[in-house]
Amino acid sequence: MPASLSFVMDITDHKRAEDEVRVSEEKYRTILESIE
């Protein structure tokens, strides 16, 4: 019968680290773009 074979990885910690890096980058980018 037709079927979908899938491989699944838990990336919660990786995603959290990505979000922290993104927030940090956005914060420093905002600072850089705001300074005279």
Full PDB file with SEQRES, HELIX, SHEET, SSBOND, CRYST1, ORIGX, SCALE, CONECT and MASTER records, all heavy atoms in Angstrom:
SEQRES   1 A   36  MET PRO ALA SER LEU SER PHE VAL MET ASP ILE THR ASP          
SEQRES   2 A   36  HIS LYS ARG ALA GLU ASP GLU VAL ARG VAL SER GLU GLU          
SEQRES   3 A   36  LYS TYR ARG THR ILE LEU GLU SER ILE GLU                      
HELIX    1 AA1 THR A   12  SER A   34  1                                  23    
CRYST1    1.000    1.000    1.000  90.00  90.00  90.00 P 1           1          
ORIGX1      1.000000  0.000000  0.000000        0.00000                         
ORIGX2      0.000000  1.000000  0.000000        0.00000                         
ORIGX3      0.000000  0.000000  1.000000        0.00000                         
SCALE1      1.000000  0.000000  0.000000        0.00000                         
SCALE2      0.000000  1.000000  0.000000        0.00000                         
SCALE3      0.000000  0.000000  1.000000        0.00000                         
ATOM      1  N   MET A   1       0.851  -1.198   0.000  1.00  0.00           N  
ATOM      2  CA  MET A   1       0.000   0.000   0.000  1.00  0.00           C  
ATOM      3  C   MET A   1       0.888   1.250   0.000  1.00  0.00           C  
ATOM      4  O   MET A   1       1.976   1.255   0.588  1.00  0.00           O  
ATOM      5  CB  MET A   1      -0.891   0.020   1.243  1.00  0.00           C  
ATOM      6  CG  MET A   1      -1.798  -1.180   1.371  1.00  0.00           C  
ATOM      7  SD  MET A   1      -3.379  -0.953   0.582  1.00  0.00           S  
ATOM      8  CE  MET A   1      -4.035   0.455   1.390  1.00  0.00           C  
ATOM      9  N   PRO A   2       0.444   2.351  -0.665  1.00  0.00           N  
ATOM     10  CA  PRO A   2       1.222   3.600  -0.619  1.00  0.00           C  
ATOM     11  C   PRO A   2       1.367   4.080   0.825  1.00  0.00           C  
ATOM     12  O   PRO A   2       0.450   3.962   1.636  1.00  0.00           O  
ATOM     13  CB  PRO A   2       0.368   4.574  -1.439  1.00  0.00           C  
ATOM     14  CG  PRO A   2      -0.510   3.714  -2.281  1.00  0.00           C  
ATOM     15  CD  PRO A   2      -0.780   2.489  -1.467  1.00  0.00           C  
ATOM     16  N   ALA A   3       2.536   4.594   1.152  1.00  0.00           N  
ATOM     17  CA  ALA A   3       2.793   5.048   2.519  1.00  0.00           C  
ATOM     18  C   ALA A   3       3.807   6.181   2.502  1.00  0.00           C  
ATOM     19  O   ALA A   3       4.527   6.387   1.526  1.00  0.00           O  
ATOM     20  CB  ALA A   3       3.301   3.895   3.382  1.00  0.00           C  
ATOM     21  N   SER A   4       3.841   6.910   3.607  1.00  0.00           N  
ATOM     22  CA  SER A   4       4.818   7.982   3.796  1.00  0.00           C  
ATOM     23  C   SER A   4       5.792   7.534   4.876  1.00  0.00           C  
ATOM     24  O   SER A   4       5.403   7.292   6.019  1.00  0.00           O  
ATOM     25  CB  SER A   4       4.120   9.283   4.221  1.00  0.00           C  
ATOM     26  OG  SER A   4       5.081  10.281   4.543  1.00  0.00           O  
ATOM     27  N   LEU A   5       7.067   7.384   4.488  1.00  0.00           N  
ATOM     28  CA  LEU A   5       8.126   7.025   5.430  1.00  0.00           C  
ATOM     29  C   LEU A   5       8.810   8.305   5.893  1.00  0.00           C  
ATOM     30  O   LEU A   5       9.292   9.088   5.074  1.00  0.00           O  
ATOM     31  CB  LEU A   5       9.135   6.098   4.765  1.00  0.00           C  
ATOM     32  CG  LEU A   5      10.399   5.772   5.563  1.00  0.00           C  
ATOM     33  CD1 LEU A   5      10.053   5.019   6.848  1.00  0.00           C  
ATOM     34  CD2 LEU A   5      11.393   4.985   4.714  1.00  0.00           C  
ATOM     35  N   SER A   6       8.844   8.522   7.199  1.00  0.00           N  
ATOM     36  CA  SER A   6       9.373   9.784   7.735  1.00  0.00           C  
ATOM     37  C   SER A   6      10.405   9.537   8.817  1.00  0.00           C  
ATOM     38  O   SER A   6      10.320   8.568   9.575  1.00  0.00           O  
ATOM     39  CB  SER A   6       8.234  10.639   8.310  1.00  0.00           C  
ATOM     40  OG  SER A   6       7.272  10.934   7.314  1.00  0.00           O  
ATOM     41  N   PHE A   7      11.384  10.442   8.848  1.00  0.00           N  
ATOM     42  CA  PHE A   7      12.408  10.460   9.897  1.00  0.00           C  
ATOM     43  C   PHE A   7      12.225  11.760  10.680  1.00  0.00           C  
ATOM     44  O   PHE A   7      12.163  12.841  10.096  1.00  0.00           O  
ATOM     45  CB  PHE A   7      13.801  10.385   9.280  1.00  0.00           C  
ATOM     46  CG  PHE A   7      14.034   9.124   8.494  1.00  0.00           C  
ATOM     47  CD1 PHE A   7      13.667   9.047   7.153  1.00  0.00           C  
ATOM     48  CD2 PHE A   7      14.594   8.008   9.096  1.00  0.00           C  
ATOM     49  CE1 PHE A   7      13.873   7.891   6.426  1.00  0.00           C  
ATOM     50  CE2 PHE A   7      14.801   6.848   8.376  1.00  0.00           C  
ATOM     51  CZ  PHE A   7      14.436   6.779   7.033  1.00  0.00           C  
ATOM     52  N   VAL A   8      12.158  11.648  12.002  1.00  0.00           N  
ATOM     53  CA  VAL A   8      11.824  12.791  12.856  1.00  0.00           C  
ATOM     54  C   VAL A   8      12.946  13.042  13.864  1.00  0.00           C  
ATOM     55  O   VAL A   8      13.462  12.104  14.483  1.00  0.00           O  
ATOM     56  CB  VAL A   8      10.499  12.544  13.614  1.00  0.00           C  
ATOM     57  CG1 VAL A   8      10.175  13.732  14.520  1.00  0.00           C  
ATOM     58  CG2 VAL A   8       9.366  12.291  12.627  1.00  0.00           C  
ATOM     59  N   MET A   9      13.333  14.312  14.010  1.00  0.00           N  
ATOM     60  CA  MET A   9      14.339  14.717  14.996  1.00  0.00           C  
ATOM     61  C   MET A   9      13.765  15.805  15.897  1.00  0.00           C  
ATOM     62  O   MET A   9      13.059  16.710  15.411  1.00  0.00           O  
ATOM     63  CB  MET A   9      15.590  15.249  14.296  1.00  0.00           C  
ATOM     64  CG  MET A   9      16.358  14.196  13.517  1.00  0.00           C  
ATOM     65  SD  MET A   9      17.655  14.941  12.498  1.00  0.00           S  
ATOM     66  CE  MET A   9      16.668  15.639  11.180  1.00  0.00           C  
ATOM     67  N   ASP A  10      14.058  15.703  17.179  1.00  0.00           N  
ATOM     68  CA  ASP A  10      13.658  16.736  18.137  1.00  0.00           C  
ATOM     69  C   ASP A  10      14.703  17.862  18.070  1.00  0.00           C  
ATOM     70  O   ASP A  10      15.865  17.665  18.433  1.00  0.00           O  
ATOM     71  CB  ASP A  10      13.598  16.149  19.545  1.00  0.00           C  
ATOM     72  CG  ASP A  10      13.012  17.134  20.557  1.00  0.00           C  
ATOM     73  OD1 ASP A  10      13.060  18.357  20.311  1.00  0.00           O  
ATOM     74  OD2 ASP A  10      12.523  16.671  21.608  1.00  0.00           O  
ATOM     75  N   ILE A  11      14.286  19.043  17.603  1.00  0.00           N  
ATOM     76  CA  ILE A  11      15.227  20.170  17.448  1.00  0.00           C  
ATOM     77  C   ILE A  11      14.848  21.319  18.380  1.00  0.00           C  
ATOM     78  O   ILE A  11      15.192  22.475  18.113  1.00  0.00           O  
ATOM     79  CB  ILE A  11      15.250  20.662  15.988  1.00  0.00           C  
ATOM     80  CG1 ILE A  11      13.845  21.121  15.553  1.00  0.00           C  
ATOM     81  CG2 ILE A  11      15.789  19.599  15.050  1.00  0.00           C  
ATOM     82  CD1 ILE A  11      13.834  21.891  14.255  1.00  0.00           C  
ATOM     83  N   THR A  12      14.148  20.983  19.475  1.00  0.00           N  
ATOM     84  CA  THR A  12      13.683  22.036  20.388  1.00  0.00           C  
ATOM     85  C   THR A  12      14.841  22.867  20.923  1.00  0.00           C  
ATOM     86  O   THR A  12      14.803  24.104  20.892  1.00  0.00           O  
ATOM     87  CB  THR A  12      12.897  21.427  21.550  1.00  0.00           C  
ATOM     88  OG1 THR A  12      11.821  20.636  21.035  1.00  0.00           O  
ATOM     89  CG2 THR A  12      12.333  22.515  22.453  1.00  0.00           C  
ATOM     90  N   ASP A  13      15.890  22.204  21.412  1.00  0.00           N  
ATOM     91  CA  ASP A  13      17.036  22.932  21.965  1.00  0.00           C  
ATOM     92  C   ASP A  13      17.741  23.741  20.878  1.00  0.00           C  
ATOM     93  O   ASP A  13      18.156  24.883  21.104  1.00  0.00           O  
ATOM     94  CB  ASP A  13      18.017  21.963  22.618  1.00  0.00           C  
ATOM     95  CG  ASP A  13      17.429  21.300  23.858  1.00  0.00           C  
ATOM     96  OD1 ASP A  13      16.472  21.857  24.429  1.00  0.00           O  
ATOM     97  OD2 ASP A  13      17.916  20.216  24.233  1.00  0.00           O  
ATOM     98  N   HIS A  14      17.872  23.136  19.706  1.00  0.00           N  
ATOM     99  CA  HIS A  14      18.505  23.837  18.586  1.00  0.00           C  
ATOM    100  C   HIS A  14      17.687  25.055  18.182  1.00  0.00           C  
ATOM    101  O   HIS A  14      18.237  26.125  17.921  1.00  0.00           O  
ATOM    102  CB  HIS A  14      18.663  22.878  17.405  1.00  0.00           C  
ATOM    103  CG  HIS A  14      19.286  23.495  16.202  1.00  0.00           C  
ATOM    104  ND1 HIS A  14      20.627  23.832  16.139  1.00  0.00           N  
ATOM    105  CD2 HIS A  14      18.752  23.863  14.997  1.00  0.00           C  
ATOM    106  CE1 HIS A  14      20.893  24.361  14.954  1.00  0.00           C  
ATOM    107  NE2 HIS A  14      19.775  24.389  14.253  1.00  0.00           N  
ATOM    108  N   LYS A  15      16.355  24.887  18.143  1.00  0.00           N  
ATOM    109  CA  LYS A  15      15.475  25.999  17.773  1.00  0.00           C  
ATOM    110  C   LYS A  15      15.547  27.107  18.812  1.00  0.00           C  
ATOM    111  O   LYS A  15      15.559  28.302  18.474  1.00  0.00           O  
ATOM    112  CB  LYS A  15      14.034  25.498  17.661  1.00  0.00           C  
ATOM    113  CG  LYS A  15      13.020  26.546  17.189  1.00  0.00           C  
ATOM    114  CD  LYS A  15      13.269  26.931  15.748  1.00  0.00           C  
ATOM    115  CE  LYS A  15      12.128  27.755  15.173  1.00  0.00           C  
ATOM    116  NZ  LYS A  15      11.810  28.968  15.891  1.00  0.00           N  
ATOM    117  N   ARG A  16      15.616  26.737  20.088  1.00  0.00           N  
ATOM    118  CA  ARG A  16      15.724  27.732  21.149  1.00  0.00           C  
ATOM    119  C   ARG A  16      17.032  28.512  21.003  1.00  0.00           C  
ATOM    120  O   ARG A  16      17.052  29.734  21.136  1.00  0.00           O  
ATOM    121  CB  ARG A  16      15.657  27.054  22.509  1.00  0.00           C  
ATOM    122  CG  ARG A  16      15.647  28.043  23.673  1.00  0.00           C  
ATOM    123  CD  ARG A  16      15.616  27.333  25.013  1.00  0.00           C  
ATOM    124  NE  ARG A  16      14.405  26.536  25.161  1.00  0.00           N  
ATOM    125  CZ  ARG A  16      14.375  25.211  25.208  1.00  0.00           C  
ATOM    126  NH1 ARG A  16      15.519  24.516  25.115  1.00  0.00           N  
ATOM    127  NH2 ARG A  16      13.238  24.558  25.340  1.00  0.00           N  
ATOM    128  N   ALA A  17      18.121  27.797  20.711  1.00  0.00           N  
ATOM    129  CA  ALA A  17      19.407  28.470  20.511  1.00  0.00           C  
ATOM    130  C   ALA A  17      19.353  29.392  19.302  1.00  0.00           C  
ATOM    131  O   ALA A  17      19.874  30.514  19.332  1.00  0.00           O  
ATOM    132  CB  ALA A  17      20.517  27.434  20.341  1.00  0.00           C  
ATOM    133  N   GLU A  18      18.704  28.943  18.225  1.00  0.00           N  
ATOM    134  CA  GLU A  18      18.553  29.785  17.034  1.00  0.00           C  
ATOM    135  C   GLU A  18      17.781  31.060  17.364  1.00  0.00           C  
ATOM    136  O   GLU A  18      18.137  32.151  16.928  1.00  0.00           O  
ATOM    137  CB  GLU A  18      17.822  29.013  15.938  1.00  0.00           C  
ATOM    138  CG  GLU A  18      18.677  28.045  15.174  1.00  0.00           C  
ATOM    139  CD  GLU A  18      17.896  27.423  14.034  1.00  0.00           C  
ATOM    140  OE1 GLU A  18      16.642  27.572  13.990  1.00  0.00           O  
ATOM    141  OE2 GLU A  18      18.525  26.784  13.161  1.00  0.00           O  
ATOM    142  N   ASP A  19      16.698  30.893  18.125  1.00  0.00           N  
ATOM    143  CA  ASP A  19      15.876  32.051  18.493  1.00  0.00           C  
ATOM    144  C   ASP A  19      16.674  33.034  19.346  1.00  0.00           C  
ATOM    145  O   ASP A  19      16.564  34.252  19.176  1.00  0.00           O  
ATOM    146  CB  ASP A  19      14.623  31.595  19.244  1.00  0.00           C  
ATOM    147  CG  ASP A  19      13.645  30.856  18.353  1.00  0.00           C  
ATOM    148  OD1 ASP A  19      13.758  30.989  17.126  1.00  0.00           O  
ATOM    149  OD2 ASP A  19      12.782  30.140  18.892  1.00  0.00           O  
ATOM    150  N   GLU A  20      17.470  32.490  20.278  1.00  0.00           N  
ATOM    151  CA  GLU A  20      18.286  33.372  21.124  1.00  0.00           C  
ATOM    152  C   GLU A  20      19.310  34.134  20.294  1.00  0.00           C  
ATOM    153  O   GLU A  20      19.528  35.327  20.508  1.00  0.00           O  
ATOM    154  CB  GLU A  20      18.991  32.539  22.203  1.00  0.00           C  
ATOM    155  CG  GLU A  20      18.038  31.998  23.263  1.00  0.00           C  
ATOM    156  CD  GLU A  20      18.729  31.063  24.233  1.00  0.00           C  
ATOM    157  OE1 GLU A  20      19.938  30.766  24.012  1.00  0.00           O  
ATOM    158  OE2 GLU A  20      18.083  30.612  25.202  1.00  0.00           O  
ATOM    159  N   VAL A  21      19.926  33.430  19.339  1.00  0.00           N  
ATOM    160  CA  VAL A  21      20.893  34.100  18.451  1.00  0.00           C  
ATOM    161  C   VAL A  21      20.196  35.153  17.611  1.00  0.00           C  
ATOM    162  O   VAL A  21      20.703  36.263  17.429  1.00  0.00           O  
ATOM    163  CB  VAL A  21      21.603  33.063  17.550  1.00  0.00           C  
ATOM    164  CG1 VAL A  21      22.420  33.767  16.473  1.00  0.00           C  
ATOM    165  CG2 VAL A  21      22.493  32.163  18.383  1.00  0.00           C  
ATOM    166  N   ARG A  22      19.000  34.812  17.099  1.00  0.00           N  
ATOM    167  CA  ARG A  22      18.261  35.765  16.259  1.00  0.00           C  
ATOM    168  C   ARG A  22      17.874  37.003  17.057  1.00  0.00           C  
ATOM    169  O   ARG A  22      18.029  38.133  16.585  1.00  0.00           O  
ATOM    170  CB  ARG A  22      17.004  35.094  15.694  1.00  0.00           C  
ATOM    171  CG  ARG A  22      16.137  36.032  14.860  1.00  0.00           C  
ATOM    172  CD  ARG A  22      14.913  35.286  14.344  1.00  0.00           C  
ATOM    173  NE  ARG A  22      14.198  34.613  15.408  1.00  0.00           N  
ATOM    174  CZ  ARG A  22      13.376  35.237  16.258  1.00  0.00           C  
ATOM    175  NH1 ARG A  22      13.189  36.547  16.169  1.00  0.00           N  
ATOM    176  NH2 ARG A  22      12.736  34.551  17.190  1.00  0.00           N  
ATOM    177  N   VAL A  23      17.388  36.787  18.285  1.00  0.00           N  
ATOM    178  CA  VAL A  23      17.008  37.927  19.131  1.00  0.00           C  
ATOM    179  C   VAL A  23      18.226  38.789  19.434  1.00  0.00           C  
ATOM    180  O   VAL A  23      18.167  40.023  19.389  1.00  0.00           O  
ATOM    181  CB  VAL A  23      16.356  37.431  20.445  1.00  0.00           C  
ATOM    182  CG1 VAL A  23      16.191  38.583  21.432  1.00  0.00           C  
ATOM    183  CG2 VAL A  23      15.008  36.791  20.156  1.00  0.00           C  
ATOM    184  N   SER A  24      19.344  38.116  19.721  1.00  0.00           N  
ATOM    185  CA  SER A  24      20.576  38.848  20.008  1.00  0.00           C  
ATOM    186  C   SER A  24      21.028  39.651  18.789  1.00  0.00           C  
ATOM    187  O   SER A  24      21.397  40.820  18.895  1.00  0.00           O  
ATOM    188  CB  SER A  24      21.681  37.878  20.435  1.00  0.00           C  
ATOM    189  OG  SER A  24      22.890  38.562  20.661  1.00  0.00           O  
ATOM    190  N   GLU A  25      20.967  39.010  17.614  1.00  0.00           N  
ATOM    191  CA  GLU A  25      21.364  39.700  16.383  1.00  0.00           C  
ATOM    192  C   GLU A  25      20.444  40.887  16.106  1.00  0.00           C  
ATOM    193  O   GLU A  25      20.896  41.962  15.712  1.00  0.00           O  
ATOM    194  CB  GLU A  25      21.342  38.733  15.211  1.00  0.00           C  
ATOM    195  CG  GLU A  25      22.479  37.719  15.233  1.00  0.00           C  
ATOM    196  CD  GLU A  25      22.406  36.743  14.077  1.00  0.00           C  
ATOM    197  OE1 GLU A  25      21.334  36.701  13.410  1.00  0.00           O  
ATOM    198  OE2 GLU A  25      23.393  36.040  13.831  1.00  0.00           O  
ATOM    199  N   GLU A  26      19.143  40.673  16.311  1.00  0.00           N  
ATOM    200  CA  GLU A  26      18.196  41.763  16.080  1.00  0.00           C  
ATOM    201  C   GLU A  26      18.438  42.912  17.046  1.00  0.00           C  
ATOM    202  O   GLU A  26      18.367  44.087  16.670  1.00  0.00           O  
ATOM    203  CB  GLU A  26      16.759  41.245  16.220  1.00  0.00           C  
ATOM    204  CG  GLU A  26      16.321  40.327  15.086  1.00  0.00           C  
ATOM    205  CD  GLU A  26      14.922  39.794  15.289  1.00  0.00           C  
ATOM    206  OE1 GLU A  26      14.344  40.053  16.376  1.00  0.00           O  
ATOM    207  OE2 GLU A  26      14.402  39.114  14.390  1.00  0.00           O  
ATOM    208  N   LYS A  27      18.756  42.567  18.313  1.00  0.00           N  
ATOM    209  CA  LYS A  27      19.012  43.607  19.306  1.00  0.00           C  
ATOM    210  C   LYS A  27      20.225  44.441  18.924  1.00  0.00           C  
ATOM    211  O   LYS A  27      20.161  45.673  18.911  1.00  0.00           O  
ATOM    212  CB  LYS A  27      19.220  42.966  20.679  1.00  0.00           C  
ATOM    213  CG  LYS A  27      19.484  43.984  21.791  1.00  0.00           C  
ATOM    214  CD  LYS A  27      19.646  43.325  23.143  1.00  0.00           C  
ATOM    215  CE  LYS A  27      20.962  42.602  23.229  1.00  0.00           C  
ATOM    216  NZ  LYS A  27      21.224  42.093  24.599  1.00  0.00           N  
ATOM    217  N   TYR A  28      21.317  43.749  18.595  1.00  0.00           N  
ATOM    218  CA  TYR A  28      22.526  44.488  18.253  1.00  0.00           C  
ATOM    219  C   TYR A  28      22.389  45.203  16.918  1.00  0.00           C  
ATOM    220  O   TYR A  28      22.962  46.280  16.719  1.00  0.00           O  
ATOM    221  CB  TYR A  28      23.729  43.550  18.258  1.00  0.00           C  
ATOM    222  CG  TYR A  28      24.145  43.158  19.649  1.00  0.00           C  
ATOM    223  CD1 TYR A  28      23.992  41.852  20.099  1.00  0.00           C  
ATOM    224  CD2 TYR A  28      24.654  44.102  20.534  1.00  0.00           C  
ATOM    225  CE1 TYR A  28      24.344  41.490  21.390  1.00  0.00           C  
ATOM    226  CE2 TYR A  28      25.008  43.744  21.834  1.00  0.00           C  
ATOM    227  CZ  TYR A  28      24.856  42.442  22.247  1.00  0.00           C  
ATOM    228  OH  TYR A  28      25.197  42.098  23.517  1.00  0.00           O  
ATOM    229  N   ARG A  29      21.627  44.615  16.008  1.00  0.00           N  
ATOM    230  CA  ARG A  29      21.394  45.295  14.728  1.00  0.00           C  
ATOM    231  C   ARG A  29      20.586  46.570  14.964  1.00  0.00           C  
ATOM    232  O   ARG A  29      20.858  47.616  14.362  1.00  0.00           O  
ATOM    233  CB  ARG A  29      20.637  44.370  13.766  1.00  0.00           C  
ATOM    234  CG  ARG A  29      20.408  44.978  12.387  1.00  0.00           C  
ATOM    235  CD  ARG A  29      21.690  45.106  11.628  1.00  0.00           C  
ATOM    236  NE  ARG A  29      21.509  45.843  10.384  1.00  0.00           N  
ATOM    237  CZ  ARG A  29      22.460  46.024   9.492  1.00  0.00           C  
ATOM    238  NH1 ARG A  29      23.667  45.523   9.697  1.00  0.00           N  
ATOM    239  NH2 ARG A  29      22.240  46.707   8.396  1.00  0.00           N  
ATOM    240  N   THR A  30      19.588  46.473  15.858  1.00  0.00           N  
ATOM    241  CA  THR A  30      18.784  47.656  16.188  1.00  0.00           C  
ATOM    242  C   THR A  30      19.654  48.739  16.809  1.00  0.00           C  
ATOM    243  O   THR A  30      19.526  49.924  16.483  1.00  0.00           O  
ATOM    244  CB  THR A  30      17.651  47.277  17.158  1.00  0.00           C  
ATOM    245  OG1 THR A  30      16.811  46.298  16.533  1.00  0.00           O  
ATOM    246  CG2 THR A  30      16.815  48.495  17.517  1.00  0.00           C  
ATOM    247  N   ILE A  31      20.553  48.313  17.713  1.00  0.00           N  
ATOM    248  CA  ILE A  31      21.456  49.281  18.334  1.00  0.00           C  
ATOM    249  C   ILE A  31      22.340  49.927  17.276  1.00  0.00           C  
ATOM    250  O   ILE A  31      22.506  51.153  17.247  1.00  0.00           O  
ATOM    251  CB  ILE A  31      22.311  48.582  19.414  1.00  0.00           C  
ATOM    252  CG1 ILE A  31      21.434  48.135  20.584  1.00  0.00           C  
ATOM    253  CG2 ILE A  31      23.425  49.522  19.910  1.00  0.00           C  
ATOM    254  CD1 ILE A  31      22.160  47.288  21.597  1.00  0.00           C  
ATOM    255  N   LEU A  32      22.905  49.095  16.382  1.00  0.00           N  
ATOM    256  CA  LEU A  32      23.791  49.622  15.347  1.00  0.00           C  
ATOM    257  C   LEU A  32      23.076  50.612  14.437  1.00  0.00           C  
ATOM    258  O   LEU A  32      23.641  51.619  14.030  1.00  0.00           O  
ATOM    259  CB  LEU A  32      24.349  48.472  14.500  1.00  0.00           C  
ATOM    260  CG  LEU A  32      25.564  47.723  15.048  1.00  0.00           C  
ATOM    261  CD1 LEU A  32      25.968  46.609  14.096  1.00  0.00           C  
ATOM    262  CD2 LEU A  32      26.734  48.669  15.267  1.00  0.00           C  
ATOM    263  N   GLU A  33      21.816  50.302  14.118  1.00  0.00           N  
ATOM    264  CA  GLU A  33      21.081  51.169  13.205  1.00  0.00           C  
ATOM    265  C   GLU A  33      20.532  52.408  13.913  1.00  0.00           C  
ATOM    266  O   GLU A  33      20.110  53.359  13.253  1.00  0.00           O  
ATOM    267  CB  GLU A  33      19.926  50.395  12.559  1.00  0.00           C  
ATOM    268  CG  GLU A  33      20.370  49.225  11.683  1.00  0.00           C  
ATOM    269  CD  GLU A  33      21.289  49.627  10.552  1.00  0.00           C  
ATOM    270  OE1 GLU A  33      21.355  50.829  10.223  1.00  0.00           O  
ATOM    271  OE2 GLU A  33      21.970  48.747   9.998  1.00  0.00           O  
ATOM    272  N   SER A  34      20.539  52.400  15.245  1.00  0.00           N  
ATOM    273  CA  SER A  34      19.988  53.539  15.988  1.00  0.00           C  
ATOM    274  C   SER A  34      21.046  54.560  16.386  1.00  0.00           C  
ATOM    275  O   SER A  34      20.714  55.724  16.613  1.00  0.00           O  
ATOM    276  CB  SER A  34      19.270  53.030  17.255  1.00  0.00           C  
ATOM    277  OG  SER A  34      18.215  52.144  16.922  1.00  0.00           O  
ATOM    278  N   ILE A  35      22.297  54.138  16.486  1.00  0.00           N  
ATOM    279  CA  ILE A  35      23.322  55.068  16.950  1.00  0.00           C  
ATOM    280  C   ILE A  35      23.651  56.090  15.862  1.00  0.00           C  
ATOM    281  O   ILE A  35      23.522  55.828  14.670  1.00  0.00           O  
ATOM    282  CB  ILE A  35      24.610  54.318  17.373  1.00  0.00           C  
ATOM    283  CG1 ILE A  35      25.205  53.537  16.186  1.00  0.00           C  
ATOM    284  CG2 ILE A  35      24.341  53.419  18.542  1.00  0.00           C  
ATOM    285  CD1 ILE A  35      26.533  52.878  16.504  1.00  0.00           C  
ATOM    286  N   GLU A  36      24.060  57.264  16.294  1.00  0.00           N  
ATOM    287  CA  GLU A  36      24.430  58.326  15.368  1.00  0.00           C  
ATOM    288  C   GLU A  36      25.776  58.051  14.715  1.00  0.00           C  
ATOM    289  O   GLU A  36      26.026  58.457  13.578  1.00  0.00           O  
ATOM    290  CB  GLU A  36      24.484  59.674  16.111  1.00  0.00           C  
ATOM    291  CG  GLU A  36      23.120  60.223  16.496  1.00  0.00           C  
ATOM    292  CD  GLU A  36      22.289  60.591  15.276  1.00  0.00           C  
ATOM    293  OE1 GLU A  36      22.843  61.207  14.351  1.00  0.00           O  
ATOM    294  OE2 GLU A  36      21.098  60.237  15.250  1.00  0.00           O  
TER     295      GLU A  36                                                      
MASTER        0    0    0    1    0    0    0    6  294    1    0    3          
END                                                                             
